Protein backbone atom coordinates (compact mmCIF):
# COMPACT_ATOMS: atom_id res chain seq x y z
CA UNK A 1 20.70 7.97 9.71
CA UNK A 2 19.49 5.65 6.94
CA UNK A 3 18.49 2.24 8.34
CA UNK A 4 19.93 -0.90 6.81
CA UNK A 5 18.19 -4.20 6.12
CA UNK A 6 19.97 -7.51 6.63
CA UNK A 7 20.07 -9.74 3.57
CA UNK A 8 19.86 -13.52 3.58
CA UNK A 9 23.61 -13.82 2.90
CA UNK A 10 24.68 -11.80 5.95
CA UNK A 11 25.35 -8.51 4.16
CA UNK A 12 23.22 -5.42 4.76
CA UNK A 13 21.69 -2.94 2.32
CA UNK A 14 20.73 0.71 2.99
CA UNK A 15 16.96 1.04 2.84
CA UNK A 16 17.09 4.32 0.92
CA UNK A 17 19.13 4.70 -2.23
CA UNK A 18 19.60 6.93 -5.24
CA UNK A 19 18.53 5.61 -8.65
CA UNK A 20 20.09 6.76 -11.91
CA UNK A 21 17.58 5.29 -14.37
CA UNK A 22 16.96 7.76 -17.23
CA UNK A 23 19.67 10.14 -16.01
CA UNK A 24 21.75 10.88 -19.09
CA UNK A 25 25.39 9.86 -18.95
CA UNK A 26 26.58 13.46 -19.21
CA UNK A 27 24.47 14.40 -16.16
CA UNK A 28 25.24 11.35 -14.04
CA UNK A 29 28.54 12.47 -12.48
CA UNK A 30 26.95 15.68 -11.24
CA UNK A 31 23.76 13.98 -10.03
CA UNK A 32 25.53 11.18 -8.15
CA UNK A 33 28.05 13.61 -6.68
CA UNK A 34 25.23 15.78 -5.35
CA UNK A 35 23.39 12.74 -4.00
CA UNK A 36 26.50 11.64 -2.11
CA UNK A 37 26.86 15.15 -0.73
CA UNK A 38 23.26 15.04 0.51
CA UNK A 39 24.08 11.80 2.31
CA UNK A 40 22.95 8.95 0.05
CA UNK A 41 25.20 5.91 0.31
CA UNK A 42 23.36 3.51 -1.99
CA UNK A 43 23.53 3.97 -5.77
CA UNK A 44 21.44 1.84 -8.14
CA UNK A 45 22.55 1.61 -11.78
CA UNK A 46 22.40 -0.98 -14.59
CA UNK A 47 24.20 -1.95 -17.73
CA UNK A 48 21.20 -0.83 -19.79
CA UNK A 49 21.25 2.63 -18.16
CA UNK A 50 24.58 3.27 -19.92
CA UNK A 51 25.98 5.32 -17.03
CA UNK A 52 28.00 2.85 -14.95
CA UNK A 53 31.28 4.57 -15.79
CA UNK A 54 29.94 7.91 -14.63
CA UNK A 55 28.63 6.38 -11.38
CA UNK A 56 32.10 5.06 -10.59
CA UNK A 57 33.71 8.38 -11.51
CA UNK A 58 31.36 10.27 -9.20
CA UNK A 59 32.00 7.94 -6.26
CA UNK A 60 35.76 8.18 -6.64
CA UNK A 61 35.60 11.95 -7.07
CA UNK A 62 33.47 12.40 -3.96
CA UNK A 63 36.25 11.14 -1.73
CA UNK A 64 33.88 8.74 0.01
CA UNK A 65 35.55 5.40 0.87
CA UNK A 66 34.42 2.67 -1.51
CA UNK A 67 33.31 0.52 1.41
CA UNK A 68 30.89 3.24 2.54
CA UNK A 69 28.90 3.27 -0.73
CA UNK A 70 26.58 0.43 -1.68
CA UNK A 71 26.57 -0.05 -5.47
CA UNK A 72 24.09 -2.13 -7.46
CA UNK A 73 24.16 -2.92 -11.16
CA UNK A 74 22.09 -5.22 -13.36
CA UNK A 75 22.66 -7.51 -16.32
CA UNK A 76 21.83 -6.27 -19.82
CA UNK A 77 18.91 -8.14 -21.41
CA UNK A 78 21.07 -9.02 -24.39
CA UNK A 79 23.63 -10.95 -22.37
CA UNK A 80 21.75 -13.76 -20.62
CA UNK A 81 23.81 -16.58 -22.13
CA UNK A 82 26.46 -17.57 -19.55
CA UNK A 83 29.51 -16.59 -21.63
CA UNK A 84 27.88 -13.29 -22.57
CA UNK A 85 26.93 -12.66 -18.94
CA UNK A 86 30.50 -13.25 -17.80
CA UNK A 87 31.88 -10.79 -20.33
CA UNK A 88 29.19 -8.24 -19.48
CA UNK A 89 29.96 -8.50 -15.77
CA UNK A 90 33.65 -7.95 -16.45
CA UNK A 91 32.70 -4.78 -18.34
CA UNK A 92 30.57 -3.60 -15.42
CA UNK A 93 33.52 -3.85 -13.03
CA UNK A 94 35.78 -2.12 -15.57
CA UNK A 95 33.23 0.65 -16.19
CA UNK A 96 32.72 1.27 -12.48
CA UNK A 97 36.44 0.99 -11.78
CA UNK A 98 35.79 -1.28 -8.79
CA UNK A 99 36.97 -4.76 -7.87
CA UNK A 100 33.47 -5.75 -6.77
CA UNK A 101 29.85 -4.67 -6.76
CA UNK A 102 27.75 -4.92 -3.63
CA UNK A 103 24.77 -6.31 -5.54
CA UNK A 104 24.33 -7.63 -9.08
CA UNK A 105 20.90 -8.47 -10.49
CA UNK A 106 19.33 -10.17 -13.47
CA UNK A 107 17.44 -7.16 -14.79
CA UNK A 108 14.46 -9.04 -16.34
CA UNK A 109 13.58 -12.75 -16.46
CA UNK A 110 12.69 -12.62 -20.20
CA UNK A 111 10.79 -15.94 -20.09
CA UNK A 112 9.88 -15.70 -23.80
CA UNK A 113 13.55 -15.40 -24.84
CA UNK A 114 16.62 -17.67 -24.51
CA UNK A 115 14.37 -20.74 -24.67
CA UNK A 116 12.89 -19.59 -21.38
CA UNK A 117 16.19 -20.26 -19.62
CA UNK A 118 17.01 -17.71 -16.95
CA UNK A 119 18.30 -20.43 -14.60
CA UNK A 120 21.68 -20.80 -16.33
CA UNK A 121 21.96 -17.00 -16.17
CA UNK A 122 21.33 -17.16 -12.43
CA UNK A 123 23.88 -19.93 -12.02
CA UNK A 124 26.42 -17.65 -13.70
CA UNK A 125 25.66 -14.96 -11.12
CA UNK A 126 26.16 -17.56 -8.42
CA UNK A 127 29.74 -17.92 -9.67
CA UNK A 128 30.25 -14.13 -9.38
CA UNK A 129 29.18 -14.39 -5.75
CA UNK A 130 31.44 -17.34 -5.06
CA UNK A 131 34.51 -15.50 -6.38
CA UNK A 132 33.64 -12.38 -4.36
CA UNK A 133 33.22 -9.99 -7.26
CA UNK A 134 29.52 -9.68 -6.43
CA UNK A 135 28.99 -9.64 -2.69
CA UNK A 136 25.28 -10.28 -3.10
CA UNK A 137 23.20 -11.38 -6.07
CA UNK A 138 19.54 -10.96 -6.80
CA UNK A 139 16.89 -10.54 -9.43
CA UNK A 140 14.65 -7.82 -10.77
CA UNK A 141 11.11 -8.06 -12.10
CA UNK A 142 10.76 -11.72 -11.14
CA UNK A 143 7.26 -13.00 -10.53
CA UNK A 144 6.45 -15.76 -8.03
CA UNK A 145 6.63 -18.48 -10.70
CA UNK A 146 10.10 -17.32 -11.73
CA UNK A 147 11.29 -17.34 -8.12
CA UNK A 148 9.83 -20.78 -7.53
CA UNK A 149 11.73 -22.11 -10.52
CA UNK A 150 15.01 -20.79 -9.12
CA UNK A 151 14.19 -22.40 -5.78
CA UNK A 152 13.94 -25.80 -7.47
CA UNK A 153 16.77 -25.54 -10.03
CA UNK A 154 19.45 -23.40 -8.34
CA UNK A 155 21.36 -23.37 -5.07
CA UNK A 156 21.22 -19.70 -4.04
CA UNK A 157 18.14 -17.80 -2.89
CA UNK A 158 18.17 -14.27 -4.37
CA UNK A 159 19.07 -11.64 -1.81
CA UNK A 160 16.64 -9.15 -3.32
CA UNK A 161 13.92 -8.87 -5.94
CA UNK A 162 13.57 -5.41 -7.44
CA UNK A 163 10.01 -4.97 -8.70
CA UNK A 164 7.54 -2.24 -9.52
CA UNK A 165 5.80 -1.18 -6.29
CA UNK A 166 3.80 1.93 -5.43
CA UNK A 167 0.37 2.65 -3.91
CA UNK A 168 -1.37 1.95 -7.24
CA UNK A 169 0.47 -1.40 -7.60
CA UNK A 170 1.17 -2.82 -4.15
CA UNK A 171 2.45 -6.08 -5.72
CA UNK A 172 1.75 -7.84 -2.44
CA UNK A 173 1.76 -11.41 -3.77
CA UNK A 174 5.37 -11.10 -4.95
CA UNK A 175 6.34 -9.20 -1.79
CA UNK A 176 4.73 -11.89 0.39
CA UNK A 177 6.67 -14.63 -1.39
CA UNK A 178 9.84 -12.65 -0.79
CA UNK A 179 9.10 -12.25 2.92
CA UNK A 180 8.43 -15.94 3.26
CA UNK A 181 11.71 -16.90 1.60
CA UNK A 182 14.08 -14.25 2.94
CA UNK A 183 14.13 -12.16 -0.24
CA UNK A 184 14.14 -8.39 0.33
CA UNK A 185 11.86 -6.36 -1.93
CA UNK A 186 13.22 -3.28 -3.66
CA UNK A 187 10.60 -0.92 -5.10
CA UNK A 188 11.20 0.69 -8.46
CA UNK A 189 8.90 3.43 -9.78
CA UNK A 190 8.02 4.12 -6.12
CA UNK A 191 5.81 7.11 -6.91
CA UNK A 192 4.37 5.57 -10.12
CA UNK A 193 6.40 7.95 -12.28
CA UNK A 194 4.74 10.79 -10.40
CA UNK A 195 1.26 9.43 -11.04
CA UNK A 196 0.29 9.06 -7.39
CA UNK A 197 1.38 12.51 -6.27
CA UNK A 198 -1.85 14.23 -7.25
CA UNK A 199 -4.07 11.56 -5.75
CA UNK A 200 -6.51 13.14 -3.23
CA UNK A 201 -5.73 10.52 -0.58
CA UNK A 202 -1.98 11.05 -0.92
CA UNK A 203 -2.43 14.80 -0.72
CA UNK A 204 -4.71 14.47 2.29
CA UNK A 205 -2.17 12.34 4.17
CA UNK A 206 0.58 14.78 3.22
CA UNK A 207 -1.44 17.65 4.63
CA UNK A 208 -2.08 15.79 7.87
CA UNK A 209 1.62 15.20 8.56
CA UNK A 210 2.93 18.42 7.04
CA UNK A 211 5.03 16.68 4.39
CA UNK A 212 5.07 16.59 0.59
CA UNK A 213 3.14 13.93 -1.31
CA UNK A 214 6.43 12.35 -2.45
CA UNK A 215 7.69 12.13 1.11
CA UNK A 216 4.60 10.38 2.43
CA UNK A 217 4.60 7.85 -0.42
CA UNK A 218 8.29 7.11 0.09
CA UNK A 219 7.70 6.83 3.83
CA UNK A 220 4.89 4.33 3.10
CA UNK A 221 7.46 2.16 1.31
CA UNK A 222 9.94 2.49 4.17
CA UNK A 223 7.39 1.46 6.79
CA UNK A 224 6.37 -1.53 4.67
CA UNK A 225 9.96 -2.70 4.93
CA UNK A 226 11.03 -2.31 1.31
CA UNK A 227 14.16 -0.74 -0.12
CA UNK A 228 13.41 2.35 -2.17
CA UNK A 229 15.55 4.51 -4.45
CA UNK A 230 13.77 7.51 -5.96
CA UNK A 231 15.36 9.04 -9.05
CA UNK A 232 15.83 12.77 -9.55
CA UNK A 233 18.55 14.98 -10.97
CA UNK A 234 17.31 18.00 -9.00
CA UNK A 235 19.26 18.70 -5.77
CA UNK A 236 16.24 20.08 -3.91
CA UNK A 237 14.28 16.91 -4.68
CA UNK A 238 17.24 14.79 -3.57
CA UNK A 239 17.12 16.50 -0.20
CA UNK A 240 13.34 16.18 -0.02
CA UNK A 241 13.47 12.46 -0.80
CA UNK A 242 16.20 11.99 1.80
CA UNK A 243 14.15 13.51 4.63
CA UNK A 244 12.10 10.44 5.48
CA UNK A 245 13.31 9.38 8.88
CA UNK A 246 12.12 12.13 11.22
CA UNK A 247 8.40 11.37 10.89
CA UNK A 248 6.09 8.36 10.77
CA UNK A 249 2.73 7.55 9.23
CA UNK A 250 0.16 6.19 11.66
CA UNK A 251 -1.91 3.08 11.01
CA UNK A 252 -4.89 4.84 9.38
CA UNK A 253 -2.58 6.77 7.02
CA UNK A 254 -0.74 3.59 6.01
CA UNK A 255 -4.04 1.81 5.43
CA UNK A 256 -5.43 4.71 3.38
CA UNK A 257 -2.42 4.63 1.06
CA UNK A 258 -2.52 0.84 0.79
CA UNK A 259 -6.20 0.94 -0.21
CA UNK A 260 -5.19 2.84 -3.37
CA UNK A 261 -3.93 -0.45 -4.86
CA UNK A 262 -5.43 -1.03 -8.33
CA UNK A 263 -3.76 -4.36 -8.98
CA UNK A 264 -2.62 -4.91 -12.56
CA UNK A 265 -4.53 -1.81 -13.68
CA UNK A 266 -2.07 0.26 -11.66
CA UNK A 267 1.07 -1.07 -13.35
CA UNK A 268 3.06 1.65 -15.14
CA UNK A 269 5.73 -0.60 -16.65
CA UNK A 270 5.56 -3.83 -18.68
CA UNK A 271 4.51 -7.13 -17.17
CA UNK A 272 7.54 -9.36 -16.57
CA UNK A 273 5.89 -12.37 -18.22
CA UNK A 274 5.54 -10.46 -21.50
CA UNK A 275 8.55 -8.12 -21.51
CA UNK A 276 11.07 -9.16 -24.19
CA UNK A 277 12.89 -5.93 -25.03
CA UNK A 278 16.57 -6.23 -25.88
CA UNK A 279 18.15 -2.83 -26.63
CA UNK A 280 21.01 -2.38 -29.06
């Protein structure tokens, strides 16, 4: 049974999900269908992943009631202006074929674009929440300064902040701000794009508990209280990543993995303060 975490708006979110980043559109229906068969009930997509339609098709085809599947999508970087964001959100619902999404996020803050204004974008998401088409709203890749600005200039505290987190980048300052303000952390790139799996410490912990390196790293995230959604199109890996709730890491193992933190040197993706990519 996958545990759920209560959000600051009263909804809950499954702590383990299935991510579809970099899964090609033509493979997405099969991958999501297999994930649902394994038992995943939390699917994380985005407008920029270009596979929302296939996610919706897979959920409908699986015969799983819509209310039993938690679906997240995220705003395209090119549509931060309020009118553009409204049209983009309408397309997300049409692509998915649903009347609502469980969670909708600003994908990146883009502080060097749009005159540095991500607050009006957030206020547009607040309207989606008020009308019920987004049950929860949140952000992705927001640093503490970005979150503090929302706290001053907007009415709604984000339900989640989806950020890069793994043993090489613990990102504890942003996570600590989230804990202190009721914002749940979601960890993307949870195994550092595979980079941590060959680490001697990770392999040693895996040997001690009789699990794979991926399982112990994902379990580290779970025990830290974050939401995690590993991405794979391989059914055997889906099952492996799902098998996280019949073992625990003891204190020394958790501490050993946490000591792998390299700070900014461990980051595998771009820094949110400098990221300004807007795809076609």
